[in-house]
Amino acid sequence: MKYSFKCPAPCNYEIKVDAQNDDDAMNKFIAAGKVHAKEAHPNTTPMSEQKMKDMFKAGMKKG
């Protein structure tokens, strides 16, 4: 199944993953999110993994 997540404004970068289920999608979002944050938002304070999970859970879309 395809999942997507859009980085909050003003960034609006979209992360798309193929995953078996919500947990698999979450793990892939966290991995991709860490890379994106490092590259696109190097001057922001790093988020804890739990905070990332909460953000992805609230904003991820299936399909």
Protein backbone atom coordinates (compact mmCIF):
# COMPACT_ATOMS: atom_id res chain seq x y z
CA MET A 1 0.00 0.00 0.00
CA LYS A 2 1.16 3.53 -0.70
CA TYR A 3 1.44 6.11 2.08
CA SER A 4 2.32 9.78 1.97
CA PHE A 5 3.16 12.58 4.37
CA LYS A 6 3.66 16.27 3.68
CA CYS A 7 6.24 18.16 5.75
CA PRO A 8 4.56 21.07 7.56
CA ALA A 9 4.50 24.51 5.91
CA PRO A 10 6.45 26.33 4.72
CA CYS A 11 8.43 23.27 3.54
CA ASN A 12 5.59 21.12 2.14
CA TYR A 13 8.02 18.42 0.97
CA GLU A 14 6.12 15.18 0.36
CA ILE A 15 7.47 11.83 1.51
CA LYS A 16 5.97 8.79 -0.23
CA VAL A 17 6.56 5.18 0.79
CA ASP A 18 5.31 1.72 -0.13
CA ALA A 19 4.59 -0.29 3.00
CA GLN A 20 2.92 -3.51 4.13
CA ASN A 21 1.01 -1.82 6.98
CA ASP A 22 0.87 1.29 9.18
CA ASP A 23 3.81 0.17 11.34
CA ASP A 24 5.98 -0.50 8.30
CA ALA A 25 5.01 2.91 6.89
CA MET A 26 5.88 4.60 10.19
CA ASN A 27 9.35 3.02 10.21
CA LYS A 28 9.95 4.13 6.63
CA PHE A 29 8.66 7.66 7.34
CA ILE A 30 10.97 7.97 10.34
CA ALA A 31 14.00 6.88 8.28
CA ALA A 32 13.12 9.22 5.40
CA GLY A 33 12.18 12.02 7.79
CA LYS A 34 15.56 11.94 9.50
CA VAL A 35 17.33 12.27 6.16
CA HIS A 36 14.99 15.04 4.99
CA ALA A 37 15.36 16.98 8.25
CA LYS A 38 19.15 16.78 8.08
CA GLU A 39 19.24 17.95 4.45
CA ALA A 40 16.40 20.49 4.33
CA HIS A 41 16.26 21.73 7.92
CA PRO A 42 19.83 21.58 9.25
CA ASN A 43 19.37 24.51 11.64
CA THR A 44 16.32 23.15 13.46
CA THR A 45 16.50 21.26 16.74
CA PRO A 46 16.29 17.51 16.05
CA MET A 47 12.96 15.90 16.99
CA SER A 48 12.74 12.92 19.27
CA GLU A 49 11.59 9.70 17.61
CA GLN A 50 8.33 9.83 19.59
CA LYS A 51 7.64 13.37 18.41
CA MET A 52 8.30 12.27 14.83
CA LYS A 53 5.93 9.31 15.27
CA ASP A 54 3.21 11.62 16.59
CA MET A 55 3.69 14.02 13.67
CA PHE A 56 3.65 11.25 11.05
CA LYS A 57 0.67 9.51 12.66
CA ALA A 58 -1.34 12.74 12.58
CA GLY A 59 -0.49 13.55 8.97
CA MET A 60 0.09 10.32 7.06
CA LYS A 61 -2.34 9.37 4.34
CA LYS A 62 -3.03 5.98 2.78
CA GLY A 63 -3.47 5.58 -0.93
